[in-house]
Amino acid sequence: MRTEKIRVGIWGFGAMGSGMARMILRKKGFEIVGVCDTNPALNHKSIFELLCKDPLEKDIFITNDIEDMLEKGKPEIVMLATDSFIKDAFPKIKILLEHHCNVISTSEEMAYPYANNIDYAKEMNQLAKENQVSVLGTGVNPGMIMDLLAVTLTGMMREVKDFHITRINSLSSFGKTVMKDQGVGCTISEFMNKRDEKLIAGHVGFKESTYMIAKALGLEVASFHQSMDPIITNIDRKSPYGYAKRGNVCGVDMRSISVLNNATQIHLHHPQQIEPELGGVYTKDEIRISGTPEINMTISPEVDGGIGTIAVCVNMIPHIINARPGLKTMIDLPVPRAIMGDVREMIEE
């Protein structure tokens, strides 16, 4: 067994980054060697103070200088929990790869960069190979529920015809930024105007999930179309960080339909809203695949998006360290599984 602990850095100490730190600190064989965040309120703070945990033999203080963190901590892998879009994440990933760090990113577009960002994907792949490290984007969705899990289920099928994949989830636990990005509280006209001005983010990842599924099946995407519509509440709804009065927008309903080059269709549906139960809606993840045999799977309630994303990212650490250098996606690596023993047992010498 490898004797040295896995040296982990974290860039971004919001909900995802701090959640990864909590999980890593509970696992055997890891060592957090540095944390970077540009939030002035966090600079020089002890992560143990922020996590309300007793410090280990060595305290870890947050820095706003990534070069300082990399130089002092010398992590072999960095968890990048800062951006949704590759154009924002790429400069950070480039720095990490050039410092010979493996990278796991929570950026939704990083789940399958070849879908929307082929030039960035090629450059990241080349940089990773030159520096003998690997880079992966993952999370619950995209990364698992609406793509890898569906792909895995097709392993029990002779023929695949069509996919109908639905994720109904609650936004209630998310903060003010998510409320704004999803249009929660807007009037219908406000929502439509913001949507047209591309100020409503909705779900980022349908195209990435679609292209990942197609690639896994050895097919290509012939056409892709997605839509975004408001979910209107018929009752006042209030969550910790959001409020939508009756007749206003409580969330976003997103759909996509794609046709592959053999006529297989992929239908994705992802409605997300605050306090869905107040509107008679109950959360779930559902995958229906027509073919031989037909497969239907439902997880109810939904897999928690925050906890799930944190867990997937941390659980993939040994697999990205073991991977051959380059840009990887979830269909390139071993099936994720929970780390319950010493992670060093999973590292290939």
Protein backbone atom coordinates (compact mmCIF):
# COMPACT_ATOMS: atom_id res chain seq x y z
CA MET A 1 0.00 0.00 0.00
CA ARG A 2 1.14 3.55 -0.70
CA THR A 3 2.42 5.10 2.53
CA GLU A 4 2.17 8.83 1.72
CA LYS A 5 -1.23 10.45 2.10
CA ILE A 6 -2.89 11.98 -0.96
CA ARG A 7 -2.09 15.70 -0.88
CA VAL A 8 -5.28 17.62 -1.73
CA GLY A 9 -5.72 21.32 -2.47
CA ILE A 10 -9.10 23.06 -2.67
CA TRP A 11 -9.75 26.14 -4.84
CA GLY A 12 -13.08 27.70 -3.89
CA PHE A 13 -14.36 27.35 -0.32
CA GLY A 14 -18.07 27.94 -0.79
CA ALA A 15 -20.72 25.27 -0.23
CA MET A 16 -19.06 22.71 -2.53
CA GLY A 17 -15.43 23.35 -1.56
CA SER A 18 -16.08 23.42 2.17
CA GLY A 19 -18.28 20.34 1.83
CA MET A 20 -15.44 18.48 0.13
CA ALA A 21 -13.12 19.53 2.94
CA ARG A 22 -15.51 18.11 5.55
CA MET A 23 -15.73 14.81 3.67
CA ILE A 24 -11.98 14.55 3.06
CA LEU A 25 -11.23 15.20 6.73
CA ARG A 26 -13.41 12.20 7.66
CA LYS A 27 -11.63 9.83 5.28
CA LYS A 28 -8.42 7.86 5.76
CA GLY A 29 -5.38 8.49 3.59
CA PHE A 30 -6.03 12.13 2.62
CA GLU A 31 -4.26 15.31 3.67
CA ILE A 32 -5.56 18.80 2.85
CA VAL A 33 -2.43 20.85 2.14
CA GLY A 34 -3.93 24.17 1.07
CA VAL A 35 -7.11 26.12 0.37
CA CYS A 36 -7.55 29.14 -1.92
CA ASP A 37 -10.54 31.48 -2.15
CA THR A 38 -10.79 35.07 -3.40
CA ASN A 39 -13.52 36.06 -0.93
CA PRO A 40 -11.85 38.74 1.26
CA ALA A 41 -13.90 37.62 4.26
CA LEU A 42 -12.18 34.21 4.14
CA ASN A 43 -8.58 35.33 3.68
CA HIS A 44 -6.27 34.00 6.44
CA LYS A 45 -9.16 32.20 8.14
CA SER A 46 -8.58 28.71 9.55
CA ILE A 47 -10.64 26.14 7.70
CA PHE A 48 -11.19 24.32 11.00
CA GLU A 49 -12.66 27.46 12.52
CA LEU A 50 -15.04 27.80 9.55
CA LEU A 51 -15.94 24.11 9.65
CA CYS A 52 -16.40 24.19 13.45
CA LYS A 53 -13.92 21.34 13.83
CA ASP A 54 -10.93 20.87 16.08
CA PRO A 55 -7.70 21.46 14.13
CA LEU A 56 -5.45 18.56 13.25
CA GLU A 57 -1.74 18.56 14.10
CA LYS A 58 -1.36 21.32 11.49
CA ASP A 59 -3.81 24.17 10.94
CA ILE A 60 -4.76 25.21 7.40
CA PHE A 61 -5.33 28.87 6.59
CA ILE A 62 -7.14 30.08 3.47
CA THR A 63 -5.14 32.22 1.05
CA ASN A 64 -6.31 34.33 -1.87
CA ASP A 65 -3.07 33.62 -3.75
CA ILE A 66 -3.21 30.37 -5.72
CA GLU A 67 0.51 30.46 -6.54
CA ASP A 68 1.25 30.69 -2.82
CA MET A 69 -1.04 27.74 -2.07
CA LEU A 70 0.51 25.61 -4.80
CA GLU A 71 4.08 26.48 -3.86
CA LYS A 72 3.68 25.86 -0.13
CA GLY A 73 1.23 22.95 -0.22
CA LYS A 74 2.44 21.14 -3.34
CA PRO A 75 -0.86 19.27 -3.83
CA GLU A 76 -0.99 16.35 -6.23
CA ILE A 77 -4.68 17.00 -6.88
CA VAL A 78 -6.78 20.16 -6.63
CA MET A 79 -10.56 20.25 -6.26
CA LEU A 80 -11.75 23.25 -8.30
CA ALA A 81 -15.16 24.41 -7.04
CA THR A 82 -15.55 27.87 -8.55
CA ASP A 83 -17.29 28.10 -11.94
CA SER A 84 -20.09 26.68 -14.10
CA PHE A 85 -18.69 27.60 -17.51
CA ILE A 86 -15.42 26.49 -19.09
CA LYS A 87 -14.47 29.99 -20.25
CA ASP A 88 -14.25 30.96 -16.56
CA ALA A 89 -12.75 27.70 -15.30
CA PHE A 90 -10.14 27.24 -18.03
CA PRO A 91 -7.59 29.86 -16.84
CA LYS A 92 -7.61 28.27 -13.39
CA ILE A 93 -7.33 24.74 -14.80
CA LYS A 94 -4.39 25.86 -16.95
CA ILE A 95 -2.53 27.15 -13.89
CA LEU A 96 -3.13 23.88 -12.03
CA LEU A 97 -2.07 21.64 -14.91
CA GLU A 98 1.10 23.66 -15.45
CA HIS A 99 1.91 23.08 -11.76
CA HIS A 100 1.60 19.32 -12.38
CA CYS A 101 -1.64 18.99 -10.39
CA ASN A 102 -4.42 16.58 -11.24
CA VAL A 103 -7.74 18.45 -11.29
CA ILE A 104 -11.37 17.62 -10.49
CA SER A 105 -13.74 20.46 -11.40
CA THR A 106 -17.39 21.03 -10.47
CA SER A 107 -17.93 23.14 -13.62
CA GLU A 108 -21.03 21.77 -15.35
CA GLU A 109 -19.56 22.28 -18.82
CA MET A 110 -16.47 20.33 -17.76
CA ALA A 111 -18.58 17.17 -17.46
CA TYR A 112 -18.22 16.73 -21.22
CA PRO A 113 -16.22 19.66 -22.65
CA TYR A 114 -16.33 18.31 -26.20
CA ALA A 115 -20.04 19.20 -26.42
CA ASN A 116 -19.70 22.99 -26.31
CA ASN A 117 -16.01 23.80 -26.03
CA ILE A 118 -13.94 21.67 -28.40
CA ASP A 119 -10.99 24.10 -28.56
CA TYR A 120 -10.73 24.33 -24.77
CA ALA A 121 -11.08 20.55 -24.55
CA LYS A 122 -8.20 19.96 -26.97
CA GLU A 123 -5.97 22.44 -25.17
CA MET A 124 -6.71 20.97 -21.74
CA ASN A 125 -6.04 17.47 -23.03
CA GLN A 126 -2.70 18.57 -24.47
CA LEU A 127 -1.68 20.48 -21.33
CA ALA A 128 -2.56 17.56 -19.09
CA LYS A 129 -0.53 15.13 -21.19
CA GLU A 130 2.46 17.47 -21.31
CA ASN A 131 2.43 17.73 -17.52
CA GLN A 132 1.66 14.04 -16.90
CA VAL A 133 -1.58 14.69 -15.00
CA SER A 134 -5.32 14.31 -15.61
CA VAL A 135 -8.37 16.57 -15.41
CA LEU A 136 -12.03 15.66 -14.85
CA GLY A 137 -15.31 17.53 -14.54
CA THR A 138 -18.07 15.85 -12.58
CA GLY A 139 -20.98 16.19 -10.16
CA VAL A 140 -24.44 14.78 -9.59
CA ASN A 141 -25.86 16.46 -12.68
CA PRO A 142 -24.24 16.54 -15.14
CA GLY A 143 -21.80 13.76 -14.34
CA MET A 144 -23.98 11.05 -12.83
CA ILE A 145 -27.79 11.07 -12.67
CA MET A 146 -28.80 12.16 -16.18
CA ASP A 147 -25.87 10.64 -18.06
CA LEU A 148 -23.43 8.13 -16.51
CA LEU A 149 -26.15 6.27 -14.60
CA ALA A 150 -28.23 5.94 -17.79
CA VAL A 151 -25.18 4.77 -19.73
CA THR A 152 -24.44 2.17 -17.06
CA LEU A 153 -27.99 0.78 -17.27
CA THR A 154 -27.59 0.20 -21.02
CA GLY A 155 -24.88 -2.34 -20.19
CA MET A 156 -27.74 -4.78 -19.53
CA MET A 157 -29.43 -4.15 -22.89
CA ARG A 158 -29.05 -5.77 -26.34
CA GLU A 159 -30.56 -2.81 -28.16
CA VAL A 160 -31.29 0.78 -27.14
CA LYS A 161 -34.05 2.81 -28.79
CA ASP A 162 -34.85 5.94 -26.78
CA PHE A 163 -34.07 7.62 -23.45
CA HIS A 164 -36.49 9.54 -21.25
CA ILE A 165 -34.58 10.94 -18.25
CA THR A 166 -36.19 13.18 -15.64
CA ARG A 167 -34.80 14.90 -12.56
CA ILE A 168 -37.36 16.74 -10.41
CA ASN A 169 -35.56 18.56 -7.64
CA SER A 170 -36.01 21.20 -4.98
CA LEU A 171 -34.13 24.51 -4.95
CA SER A 172 -35.10 25.25 -1.35
CA SER A 173 -31.68 24.55 0.19
CA PHE A 174 -29.79 26.78 -2.23
CA GLY A 175 -28.69 30.36 -1.58
CA LYS A 176 -29.52 33.78 -2.98
CA THR A 177 -27.34 33.44 -6.08
CA VAL A 178 -29.21 30.33 -7.21
CA MET A 179 -32.56 32.03 -6.54
CA LYS A 180 -31.51 34.87 -8.84
CA ASP A 181 -30.08 32.56 -11.50
CA GLN A 182 -33.33 30.54 -11.60
CA GLY A 183 -35.65 33.55 -11.64
CA VAL A 184 -37.33 32.69 -8.34
CA GLY A 185 -39.71 35.49 -7.32
CA CYS A 186 -39.91 37.10 -10.77
CA THR A 187 -43.17 37.98 -12.43
CA ILE A 188 -43.80 36.07 -15.64
CA SER A 189 -42.89 39.06 -17.81
CA GLU A 190 -39.71 39.70 -15.80
CA PHE A 191 -38.71 36.08 -16.26
CA MET A 192 -39.31 36.16 -20.01
CA ASN A 193 -37.27 39.34 -20.42
CA LYS A 194 -34.39 37.97 -18.34
CA ARG A 195 -34.51 34.66 -20.22
CA ASP A 196 -34.28 36.47 -23.55
CA GLU A 197 -31.34 38.50 -22.22
CA LYS A 198 -29.71 35.24 -21.02
CA LEU A 199 -29.84 36.37 -17.39
CA ILE A 200 -31.60 33.18 -16.27
CA ALA A 201 -29.13 30.32 -16.05
CA GLY A 202 -31.53 27.44 -15.59
CA HIS A 203 -29.82 24.06 -15.72
CA VAL A 204 -26.38 23.95 -17.33
CA GLY A 205 -25.54 20.51 -18.64
CA PHE A 206 -28.16 19.07 -20.99
CA LYS A 207 -25.83 19.26 -23.98
CA GLU A 208 -22.97 17.75 -22.01
CA SER A 209 -25.16 14.86 -20.80
CA THR A 210 -26.49 14.24 -24.31
CA TYR A 211 -23.06 14.15 -25.93
CA MET A 212 -21.69 11.92 -23.16
CA ILE A 213 -24.47 9.37 -23.70
CA ALA A 214 -23.99 9.45 -27.47
CA LYS A 215 -20.23 8.98 -27.19
CA ALA A 216 -20.64 6.10 -24.76
CA LEU A 217 -22.92 4.31 -27.24
CA GLY A 218 -20.56 4.90 -30.16
CA LEU A 219 -22.97 7.34 -31.80
CA GLU A 220 -23.08 11.02 -32.74
CA VAL A 221 -25.59 13.78 -32.02
CA ALA A 222 -27.47 14.74 -35.19
CA SER A 223 -29.68 17.41 -33.59
CA PHE A 224 -30.08 19.04 -30.19
CA HIS A 225 -32.73 21.48 -28.94
CA GLN A 226 -33.50 22.69 -25.43
CA SER A 227 -36.15 24.95 -23.91
CA MET A 228 -36.57 26.90 -20.68
CA ASP A 229 -39.95 27.87 -19.22
CA PRO A 230 -41.04 29.37 -15.90
CA ILE A 231 -42.79 27.32 -13.24
CA ILE A 232 -45.65 29.41 -11.85
CA THR A 233 -46.84 28.88 -8.30
CA ASN A 234 -50.53 28.90 -7.36
CA ILE A 235 -49.69 29.45 -3.69
CA ASP A 236 -47.21 31.66 -1.82
CA ARG A 237 -43.92 29.79 -1.31
CA LYS A 238 -40.99 30.65 0.93
CA SER A 239 -37.62 28.94 1.31
CA PRO A 240 -34.63 30.07 3.43
CA TYR A 241 -33.32 32.27 0.59
CA GLY A 242 -36.23 32.56 -1.84
CA TYR A 243 -39.79 33.78 -1.97
CA ALA A 244 -42.39 33.50 -4.73
CA LYS A 245 -45.89 34.82 -4.23
CA ARG A 246 -48.89 33.30 -5.91
CA GLY A 247 -48.82 33.89 -9.66
CA ASN A 248 -45.07 34.47 -9.80
CA VAL A 249 -42.14 32.27 -10.77
CA CYS A 250 -40.99 29.63 -8.28
CA GLY A 251 -38.50 27.85 -10.55
CA VAL A 252 -37.48 26.76 -14.02
CA ASP A 253 -38.72 23.91 -16.21
CA MET A 254 -36.04 22.78 -18.66
CA ARG A 255 -36.38 20.21 -21.43
CA SER A 256 -34.23 19.00 -24.28
CA ILE A 257 -34.76 16.60 -27.14
CA SER A 258 -31.94 15.20 -29.22
CA VAL A 259 -31.73 12.79 -32.11
CA LEU A 260 -28.64 10.65 -32.63
CA ASN A 261 -27.29 9.58 -35.99
CA ASN A 262 -29.08 6.20 -35.78
CA ALA A 263 -32.44 7.91 -34.95
CA THR A 264 -32.23 7.15 -31.19
CA GLN A 265 -33.84 9.98 -29.24
CA ILE A 266 -32.73 11.38 -25.89
CA HIS A 267 -35.39 13.31 -23.93
CA LEU A 268 -34.17 15.18 -20.84
CA HIS A 269 -36.53 16.94 -18.41
CA HIS A 270 -35.37 18.90 -15.38
CA PRO A 271 -37.93 21.01 -13.47
CA GLN A 272 -36.51 22.65 -10.34
CA GLN A 273 -38.36 24.91 -7.90
CA ILE A 274 -38.57 26.02 -4.29
CA GLU A 275 -40.84 24.06 -1.96
CA PRO A 276 -42.18 21.75 -4.71
CA GLU A 277 -44.37 19.80 -2.29
CA LEU A 278 -46.50 22.92 -1.74
CA GLY A 279 -47.46 22.63 -5.40
CA GLY A 280 -48.17 18.90 -5.15
CA VAL A 281 -44.84 17.97 -6.78
CA TYR A 282 -42.55 15.35 -5.25
CA THR A 283 -38.90 15.08 -6.14
CA LYS A 284 -37.41 12.09 -7.93
CA ASP A 285 -34.82 10.90 -10.43
CA GLU A 286 -36.22 8.71 -13.18
CA ILE A 287 -34.59 6.91 -16.12
CA ARG A 288 -36.66 5.10 -18.72
CA ILE A 289 -34.85 3.41 -21.59
CA SER A 290 -36.81 1.69 -24.35
CA GLY A 291 -35.17 -1.22 -26.12
CA THR A 292 -34.37 -4.84 -25.35
CA PRO A 293 -35.02 -5.26 -22.51
CA GLU A 294 -36.81 -2.07 -21.46
CA ILE A 295 -35.35 -0.59 -18.29
CA ASN A 296 -37.14 1.71 -15.84
CA MET A 297 -35.51 3.08 -12.70
CA THR A 298 -36.82 5.60 -10.18
CA ILE A 299 -35.06 7.11 -7.16
CA SER A 300 -37.49 8.90 -4.85
CA PRO A 301 -36.90 11.42 -3.40
CA GLU A 302 -34.19 12.94 -5.61
CA VAL A 303 -30.51 12.38 -4.87
CA ASP A 304 -29.46 15.48 -2.92
CA GLY A 305 -27.60 17.67 -5.40
CA GLY A 306 -25.18 19.26 -2.95
CA ILE A 307 -24.24 16.16 -0.98
CA GLY A 308 -24.13 14.07 -4.15
CA THR A 309 -21.83 16.45 -6.01
CA ILE A 310 -19.44 16.67 -3.08
CA ALA A 311 -19.36 12.88 -2.76
CA VAL A 312 -18.89 12.16 -6.47
CA CYS A 313 -15.97 14.60 -6.67
CA VAL A 314 -14.18 13.21 -3.63
CA ASN A 315 -14.89 9.58 -4.54
CA MET A 316 -13.32 10.11 -7.98
CA ILE A 317 -9.97 11.29 -6.55
CA PRO A 318 -8.22 7.90 -6.66
CA HIS A 319 -9.50 7.19 -10.17
CA ILE A 320 -8.24 10.46 -11.64
CA ILE A 321 -4.87 9.95 -9.94
CA ASN A 322 -4.67 6.45 -11.43
CA ALA A 323 -5.78 7.61 -14.88
CA ARG A 324 -3.47 7.99 -17.86
CA PRO A 325 -2.63 11.69 -18.44
CA GLY A 326 -5.16 13.82 -20.31
CA LEU A 327 -8.69 15.22 -20.21
CA LYS A 328 -11.10 12.60 -18.89
CA THR A 329 -14.87 12.27 -18.60
CA MET A 330 -16.90 9.96 -16.39
CA ILE A 331 -17.25 7.39 -19.19
CA ASP A 332 -13.44 7.09 -19.35
CA LEU A 333 -12.93 6.08 -15.72
CA PRO A 334 -13.95 3.26 -13.34
CA VAL A 335 -17.48 3.33 -11.97
CA PRO A 336 -17.57 5.68 -8.95
CA ARG A 337 -18.01 4.09 -5.56
CA ALA A 338 -17.92 5.31 -1.96
CA ILE A 339 -14.53 5.40 -0.26
CA MET A 340 -15.07 3.60 3.03
CA GLY A 341 -11.56 2.33 3.77
CA ASP A 342 -8.12 3.90 3.40
CA VAL A 343 -8.02 5.66 0.02
CA ARG A 344 -4.37 4.71 -0.38
CA GLU A 345 -5.47 1.12 -0.94
CA MET A 346 -7.09 2.32 -4.19
CA ILE A 347 -3.98 4.00 -5.61
CA GLU A 348 -2.04 2.01 -8.20
CA GLU A 349 1.69 1.97 -7.63
